[in-house]
C-alpha atoms as a PDB file:
ATOM      1  CA  MET A   1      -0.973 -16.366  -9.792  1.00  0.00           C
ATOM      2  CA  THR A   2       1.128 -13.610 -11.315  1.00  0.00           C
ATOM      3  CA  GLN A   3       4.921 -13.524 -11.483  1.00  0.00           C
ATOM      4  CA  LEU A   4       4.825 -10.568  -9.105  1.00  0.00           C
ATOM      5  CA  PHE A   5       2.923 -12.547  -6.466  1.00  0.00           C
ATOM      6  CA  THR A   6       5.350 -15.431  -6.894  1.00  0.00           C
ATOM      7  CA  ALA A   7       8.275 -13.029  -6.384  1.00  0.00           C
ATOM      8  CA  LEU A   8       6.620 -11.676  -3.224  1.00  0.00           C
ATOM      9  CA  ALA A   9       6.113 -15.148  -1.721  1.00  0.00           C
ATOM     10  CA  GLY A  10       7.131 -15.097   1.921  1.00  0.00           C
ATOM     11  CA  LYS A  11       6.646 -11.318   2.112  1.00  0.00           C
ATOM     12  CA  LEU A  12       2.852 -11.255   1.807  1.00  0.00           C
ATOM     13  CA  LEU A  13       1.840 -11.900   5.414  1.00  0.00           C
ATOM     14  CA  SER A  14      -1.382 -12.340   7.410  1.00  0.00           C
ATOM     15  CA  PRO A  15      -3.686 -12.280   4.386  1.00  0.00           C
ATOM     16  CA  THR A  16      -7.362 -11.471   4.763  1.00  0.00           C
ATOM     17  CA  PHE A  17      -7.620 -11.852   0.980  1.00  0.00           C
ATOM     18  CA  ASN A  18      -5.104 -13.345  -1.437  1.00  0.00           C
ATOM     19  CA  GLY A  19      -6.044 -14.542  -4.890  1.00  0.00           C
ATOM     20  CA  PRO A  20      -7.707 -13.815  -8.197  1.00  0.00           C
ATOM     21  CA  THR A  21     -10.347 -11.101  -8.310  1.00  0.00           C
ATOM     22  CA  GLY A  22     -13.322 -10.922 -10.642  1.00  0.00           C
ATOM     23  CA  LYS A  23     -11.287  -9.114 -13.303  1.00  0.00           C
ATOM     24  CA  SER A  24      -9.423 -11.162 -15.864  1.00  0.00           C
ATOM     25  CA  ASN A  25      -5.711 -11.496 -15.060  1.00  0.00           C
ATOM     26  CA  ARG A  26      -5.991  -9.457 -11.820  1.00  0.00           C
ATOM     27  CA  PHE A  27      -4.802 -10.787  -8.482  1.00  0.00           C
ATOM     28  CA  GLY A  28      -5.395  -8.995  -5.218  1.00  0.00           C
ATOM     29  CA  PHE A  29      -4.074  -9.090  -1.681  1.00  0.00           C
ATOM     30  CA  ARG A  30      -5.026  -7.588   1.675  1.00  0.00           C
ATOM     31  CA  GLY A  31      -2.794  -8.088   4.696  1.00  0.00           C
ATOM     32  CA  GLU A  32       0.776  -7.138   5.621  1.00  0.00           C
ATOM     33  CA  LEU A  33       3.911  -6.796   3.514  1.00  0.00           C
ATOM     34  CA  GLY A  34       7.257  -7.726   5.052  1.00  0.00           C
ATOM     35  CA  LEU A  35       9.845  -5.123   4.054  1.00  0.00           C
ATOM     36  CA  LYS A  36      12.955  -6.108   5.998  1.00  0.00           C
ATOM     37  CA  PHE A  37      13.670  -9.498   7.529  1.00  0.00           C
ATOM     38  CA  PRO A  38      16.345 -10.671   9.971  1.00  0.00           C
ATOM     39  CA  GLU A  39      18.968 -13.043   8.673  1.00  0.00           C
ATOM     40  CA  SER A  40      17.600 -16.572   8.620  1.00  0.00           C
ATOM     41  CA  MET A  41      19.473 -19.266  10.495  1.00  0.00           C
ATOM     42  CA  ALA A  42      18.921 -22.825   9.258  1.00  0.00           C
ATOM     43  CA  GLY A  43      16.125 -21.694   6.926  1.00  0.00           C
ATOM     44  CA  GLU A  44      13.540 -20.923   9.604  1.00  0.00           C
ATOM     45  CA  ALA A  45      10.966 -18.222   8.931  1.00  0.00           C
ATOM     46  CA  ARG A  46      11.290 -15.172  11.146  1.00  0.00           C
ATOM     47  CA  PRO A  47       8.926 -12.237  11.500  1.00  0.00           C
ATOM     48  CA  PRO A  48       9.881  -9.064   9.641  1.00  0.00           C
ATOM     49  CA  LEU A  49      11.869  -6.319  11.333  1.00  0.00           C
ATOM     50  CA  VAL A  50       9.940  -3.756   9.278  1.00  0.00           C
ATOM     51  CA  LYS A  51       6.553  -4.205   7.637  1.00  0.00           C
ATOM     52  CA  ALA A  52       3.824  -2.263   5.913  1.00  0.00           C
ATOM     53  CA  ASP A  53       0.442  -2.995   7.410  1.00  0.00           C
ATOM     54  CA  GLN A  54      -3.141  -2.663   6.224  1.00  0.00           C
ATOM     55  CA  VAL A  55      -1.856  -3.397   2.707  1.00  0.00           C
ATOM     56  CA  ILE A  56      -4.203  -3.526  -0.256  1.00  0.00           C
ATOM     57  CA  LEU A  57      -2.576  -4.358  -3.580  1.00  0.00           C
ATOM     58  CA  ALA A  58      -3.523  -5.606  -7.008  1.00  0.00           C
ATOM     59  CA  ALA A  59      -1.431  -6.879  -9.889  1.00  0.00           C
ATOM     60  CA  GLU A  60      -2.336  -7.434 -13.511  1.00  0.00           C
ATOM     61  CA  GLY A  61       0.201  -9.697 -15.146  1.00  0.00           C
ATOM     62  CA  ASP A  62       3.598  -8.766 -13.754  1.00  0.00           C
ATOM     63  CA  LYS A  63       2.662  -5.124 -13.062  1.00  0.00           C
ATOM     64  CA  LEU A  64       1.390  -3.735  -9.794  1.00  0.00           C
ATOM     65  CA  VAL A  65      -1.577  -1.539 -10.723  1.00  0.00           C
ATOM     66  CA  PHE A  66      -2.608  -0.526  -7.191  1.00  0.00           C
ATOM     67  CA  PHE A  67      -0.979  -0.324  -3.783  1.00  0.00           C
ATOM     68  CA  ALA A  68      -2.124   1.253  -0.528  1.00  0.00           C
ATOM     69  CA  ALA A  69      -0.592   0.696   2.899  1.00  0.00           C
ATOM     70  CA  HIS A  70       0.352   2.212   6.222  1.00  0.00           C
ATOM     71  CA  VAL A  71       3.957   2.542   7.370  1.00  0.00           C
ATOM     72  CA  ASP A  72       5.280   4.096  10.545  1.00  0.00           C
ATOM     73  CA  SER A  73       7.680   6.362   8.666  1.00  0.00           C
ATOM     74  CA  LEU A  74       7.702   7.858   5.186  1.00  0.00           C
ATOM     75  CA  ALA A  75      11.364   6.812   5.006  1.00  0.00           C
ATOM     76  CA  GLU A  76      10.127   3.212   4.662  1.00  0.00           C
ATOM     77  CA  LEU A  77       9.033   4.075   1.110  1.00  0.00           C
ATOM     78  CA  ASP A  78      12.559   3.136   0.015  1.00  0.00           C
ATOM     79  CA  LEU A  79      12.047  -0.375   1.443  1.00  0.00           C
ATOM     80  CA  ILE A  80       8.678  -0.631  -0.307  1.00  0.00           C
ATOM     81  CA  MET A  81      10.279   0.373  -3.606  1.00  0.00           C
ATOM     82  CA  ASP A  82      12.991  -2.274  -3.130  1.00  0.00           C
ATOM     83  CA  THR A  83      10.461  -4.946  -2.148  1.00  0.00           C
ATOM     84  CA  LEU A  84       8.043  -4.313  -5.021  1.00  0.00           C
ATOM     85  CA  GLY A  85      10.843  -3.720  -7.520  1.00  0.00           C
ATOM     86  CA  ASP A  86      10.038  -4.063 -11.198  1.00  0.00           C
ATOM     87  CA  GLY A  87       6.345  -4.568 -10.464  1.00  0.00           C
ATOM     88  CA  LEU A  88       6.005  -0.820  -9.979  1.00  0.00           C
ATOM     89  CA  ASN A  89       5.255   1.314 -13.025  1.00  0.00           C
ATOM     90  CA  SER A  90       4.446   4.944 -13.725  1.00  0.00           C
ATOM     91  CA  GLU A  91       0.819   4.141 -14.656  1.00  0.00           C
ATOM     92  CA  GLY A  92       0.037   2.429 -11.339  1.00  0.00           C
ATOM     93  CA  LYS A  93      -1.835   4.164  -8.520  1.00  0.00           C
ATOM     94  CA  TYR A  94       0.124   4.011  -5.277  1.00  0.00           C
ATOM     95  CA  PHE A  95      -1.009   5.449  -1.924  1.00  0.00           C
ATOM     96  CA  LEU A  96       1.165   5.526   1.179  1.00  0.00           C
ATOM     97  CA  PHE A  97      -0.271   6.458   4.556  1.00  0.00           C
ATOM     98  CA  ALA A  98       2.652   7.383   6.794  1.00  0.00           C
ATOM     99  CA  GLY A  99       2.451   7.745  10.547  1.00  0.00           C
ATOM    100  CA  ASN A 100       4.929  10.606  10.671  1.00  0.00           C
ATOM    101  CA  VAL A 101       3.399  12.888   8.025  1.00  0.00           C
ATOM    102  CA  ASP A 102       1.802  16.119   9.280  1.00  0.00           C
ATOM    103  CA  PHE A 103      -1.989  15.661   9.505  1.00  0.00           C
ATOM    104  CA  SER A 104      -2.562  18.839   7.511  1.00  0.00           C
ATOM    105  CA  LYS A 105      -0.481  17.657   4.552  1.00  0.00           C
ATOM    106  CA  LYS A 106      -1.233  15.465   1.571  1.00  0.00           C
ATOM    107  CA  TYR A 107       1.078  15.449  -1.399  1.00  0.00           C
ATOM    108  CA  LYS A 108       2.522  13.540  -4.298  1.00  0.00           C
ATOM    109  CA  VAL A 109       6.169  12.529  -4.606  1.00  0.00           C
ATOM    110  CA  GLU A 110       7.997  10.817  -7.421  1.00  0.00           C
ATOM    111  CA  VAL A 111      10.657   8.254  -6.597  1.00  0.00           C
ATOM    112  CA  LYS A 112      12.641   6.702  -9.455  1.00  0.00           C
ATOM    113  CA  GLY A 113       9.919   7.710 -11.911  1.00  0.00           C
ATOM    114  CA  ILE A 114       7.120   6.200  -9.799  1.00  0.00           C
ATOM    115  CA  PRO A 115       4.410   8.580  -8.480  1.00  0.00           C
ATOM    116  CA  TRP A 116       3.234   8.092  -4.885  1.00  0.00           C
ATOM    117  CA  HIS A 117       0.313   9.788  -3.124  1.00  0.00           C
ATOM    118  CA  VAL A 118       1.447  10.396   0.460  1.00  0.00           C
ATOM    119  CA  LEU A 119      -1.153  10.941   3.145  1.00  0.00           C
ATOM    120  CA  PRO A 120      -1.329  11.030   6.948  1.00  0.00           C
ATOM    121  CA  LEU A 121      -3.180   8.370   8.933  1.00  0.00           C
ATOM    122  CA  ASP A 122      -4.399   9.012  12.454  1.00  0.00           C
ATOM    123  CA  GLU A 123      -7.131   6.889  13.994  1.00  0.00           C
ATOM    124  CA  ALA A 124      -8.683   5.549  10.809  1.00  0.00           C
ATOM    125  CA  THR A 125      -7.758   2.546   8.696  1.00  0.00           C
ATOM    126  CA  VAL A 126      -6.145   2.477   5.271  1.00  0.00           C
ATOM    127  CA  TRP A 127      -9.281   0.797   3.923  1.00  0.00           C
ATOM    128  CA  ASN A 128     -11.638   3.527   5.211  1.00  0.00           C
ATOM    129  CA  GLU A 129      -9.335   6.391   4.246  1.00  0.00           C
ATOM    130  CA  THR A 130      -8.917   4.928   0.754  1.00  0.00           C
ATOM    131  CA  LEU A 131     -12.685   4.572   0.349  1.00  0.00           C
ATOM    132  CA  ASP A 132     -13.118   8.216   1.400  1.00  0.00           C
ATOM    133  CA  LEU A 133     -10.364   9.417  -0.920  1.00  0.00           C
ATOM    134  CA  LEU A 134     -11.905   7.561  -3.874  1.00  0.00           C
ATOM    135  CA  TYR A 135     -15.485   8.604  -2.990  1.00  0.00           C
ATOM    136  CA  LEU A 136     -16.665   5.036  -2.473  1.00  0.00           C
ATOM    137  CA  GLU A 137     -19.546   4.369  -0.078  1.00  0.00           C
ATOM    138  CA  ARG A 138     -18.953   1.646   2.495  1.00  0.00           C
ATOM    139  CA  SER A 139     -22.623   0.662   2.296  1.00  0.00           C
ATOM    140  CA  ASP A 140     -22.257  -0.018  -1.447  1.00  0.00           C
ATOM    141  CA  LEU A 141     -19.418  -2.457  -0.754  1.00  0.00           C
ATOM    142  CA  LYS A 142     -20.900  -4.314   2.226  1.00  0.00           C
ATOM    143  CA  ARG A 143     -22.693  -7.000   0.236  1.00  0.00           C
ATOM    144  CA  LEU A 144     -19.829  -7.591  -2.186  1.00  0.00           C
ATOM    145  CA  SER A 145     -17.457 -10.547  -2.020  1.00  0.00           C
ATOM    146  CA  PRO A 146     -13.861  -9.877  -0.896  1.00  0.00           C
ATOM    147  CA  GLU A 147     -12.765 -10.169  -4.542  1.00  0.00           C
ATOM    148  CA  ALA A 148     -15.372  -7.672  -5.724  1.00  0.00           C
ATOM    149  CA  LYS A 149     -14.435  -5.231  -2.938  1.00  0.00           C
ATOM    150  CA  VAL A 150     -10.806  -5.247  -4.056  1.00  0.00           C
ATOM    151  CA  ASP A 151     -11.900  -4.764  -7.673  1.00  0.00           C
ATOM    152  CA  ALA A 152     -14.159  -1.826  -6.735  1.00  0.00           C
ATOM    153  CA  VAL A 153     -11.319  -0.060  -4.909  1.00  0.00           C
ATOM    154  CA  VAL A 154      -8.764  -0.774  -7.641  1.00  0.00           C
ATOM    155  CA  ASP A 155     -11.103   0.361 -10.430  1.00  0.00           C
ATOM    156  CA  ALA A 156     -11.901   3.594  -8.561  1.00  0.00           C
ATOM    157  CA  ALA A 157      -8.196   4.185  -7.889  1.00  0.00           C
ATOM    158  CA  LEU A 158      -7.256   3.664 -11.524  1.00  0.00           C
ATOM    159  CA  ALA A 159      -9.823   6.348 -12.456  1.00  0.00           C
ATOM    160  CA  TYR A 160      -8.632   8.666  -9.649  1.00  0.00           C
ATOM    161  CA  ASN A 161      -7.302  12.001 -10.868  1.00  0.00           C
ATOM    162  CA  GLY A 162      -7.085  13.844  -7.565  1.00  0.00           C
ATOM    163  CA  LYS A 163      -4.564  16.625  -7.738  1.00  0.00           C
ATOM    164  CA  LEU A 164      -2.237  16.728  -4.771  1.00  0.00           C
ATOM    165  CA  PRO A 165       0.618  19.207  -4.564  1.00  0.00           C
ATOM    166  CA  GLU A 166       3.835  17.686  -5.884  1.00  0.00           C
ATOM    167  CA  ILE A 167       6.970  18.050  -3.794  1.00  0.00           C
ATOM    168  CA  PRO A 168      10.419  16.496  -4.108  1.00  0.00           C
ATOM    169  CA  TYR A 169      10.862  13.269  -2.150  1.00  0.00           C
ATOM    170  CA  SER A 170      13.868  14.799  -0.384  1.00  0.00           C
ATOM    171  CA  GLN A 171      11.652  17.647   0.865  1.00  0.00           C
ATOM    172  CA  ALA A 172       9.008  15.183   2.078  1.00  0.00           C
ATOM    173  CA  LEU A 173      11.680  13.284   4.020  1.00  0.00           C
ATOM    174  CA  ALA A 174      13.042  16.518   5.494  1.00  0.00           C
ATOM    175  CA  GLU A 175       9.562  17.597   6.628  1.00  0.00           C
ATOM    176  CA  MET A 176       8.471  14.291   8.168  1.00  0.00           C
ATOM    177  CA  GLY A 177       8.043  14.274  11.915  1.00  0.00           C
ATOM    178  CA  PRO A 178       9.065  11.702  14.497  1.00  0.00           C
ATOM    179  CA  VAL A 179       7.491   8.264  14.306  1.00  0.00           C
ATOM    180  CA  LYS A 180       4.396   8.201  16.481  1.00  0.00           C
ATOM    181  CA  VAL A 181       3.865   5.195  18.703  1.00  0.00           C
ATOM    182  CA  ALA A 182       0.371   4.146  17.760  1.00  0.00           C
ATOM    183  CA  GLU A 183      -1.539   2.800  20.715  1.00  0.00           C
ATOM    184  CA  ASN A 184      -4.869   1.194  19.950  1.00  0.00           C
ATOM    185  CA  ARG A 185      -4.239   1.482  16.192  1.00  0.00           C
ATOM    186  CA  PRO A 186      -6.683  -0.597  14.202  1.00  0.00           C
ATOM    187  CA  VAL A 187      -5.113  -3.372  12.189  1.00  0.00           C
END
């Protein structure tokens, strides 16, 4: 277990995968990430007020090398940055699918020196959209173990050099639309 995963204890929720992958010193996670929690009374665990869902992340040592997730609003990127803290680094590959980004827009923003690929998400899942973005075939991954699937996505992401238009984060926030209430959204 990495220091980063230890620091995120209690915030990594509903895991479908959580543990070491096939790569040396790499830990992966798929599930939800709690971003903002209500005040705890008497130490009881409460569900998050705000969360990122469909999260896929991988850490090597104390650095987050890959992150992909869906949030309702692009403005929640600030909460993600606070939650992941020092684990983020400029060499990592980070993808944020925001529910209030125009479907015709994909871009890159830099926040506190950390580059983020920002994309819309409609009816699809983060997993499927990430596979499409990285040109990975679902059929090639079907027979792999959960650990190997995470490794395949992370390795493809680390090699990803897709050029998205870069815009200032303030412009991205100004252009975001209202939060869409997602009925029947896959989880």
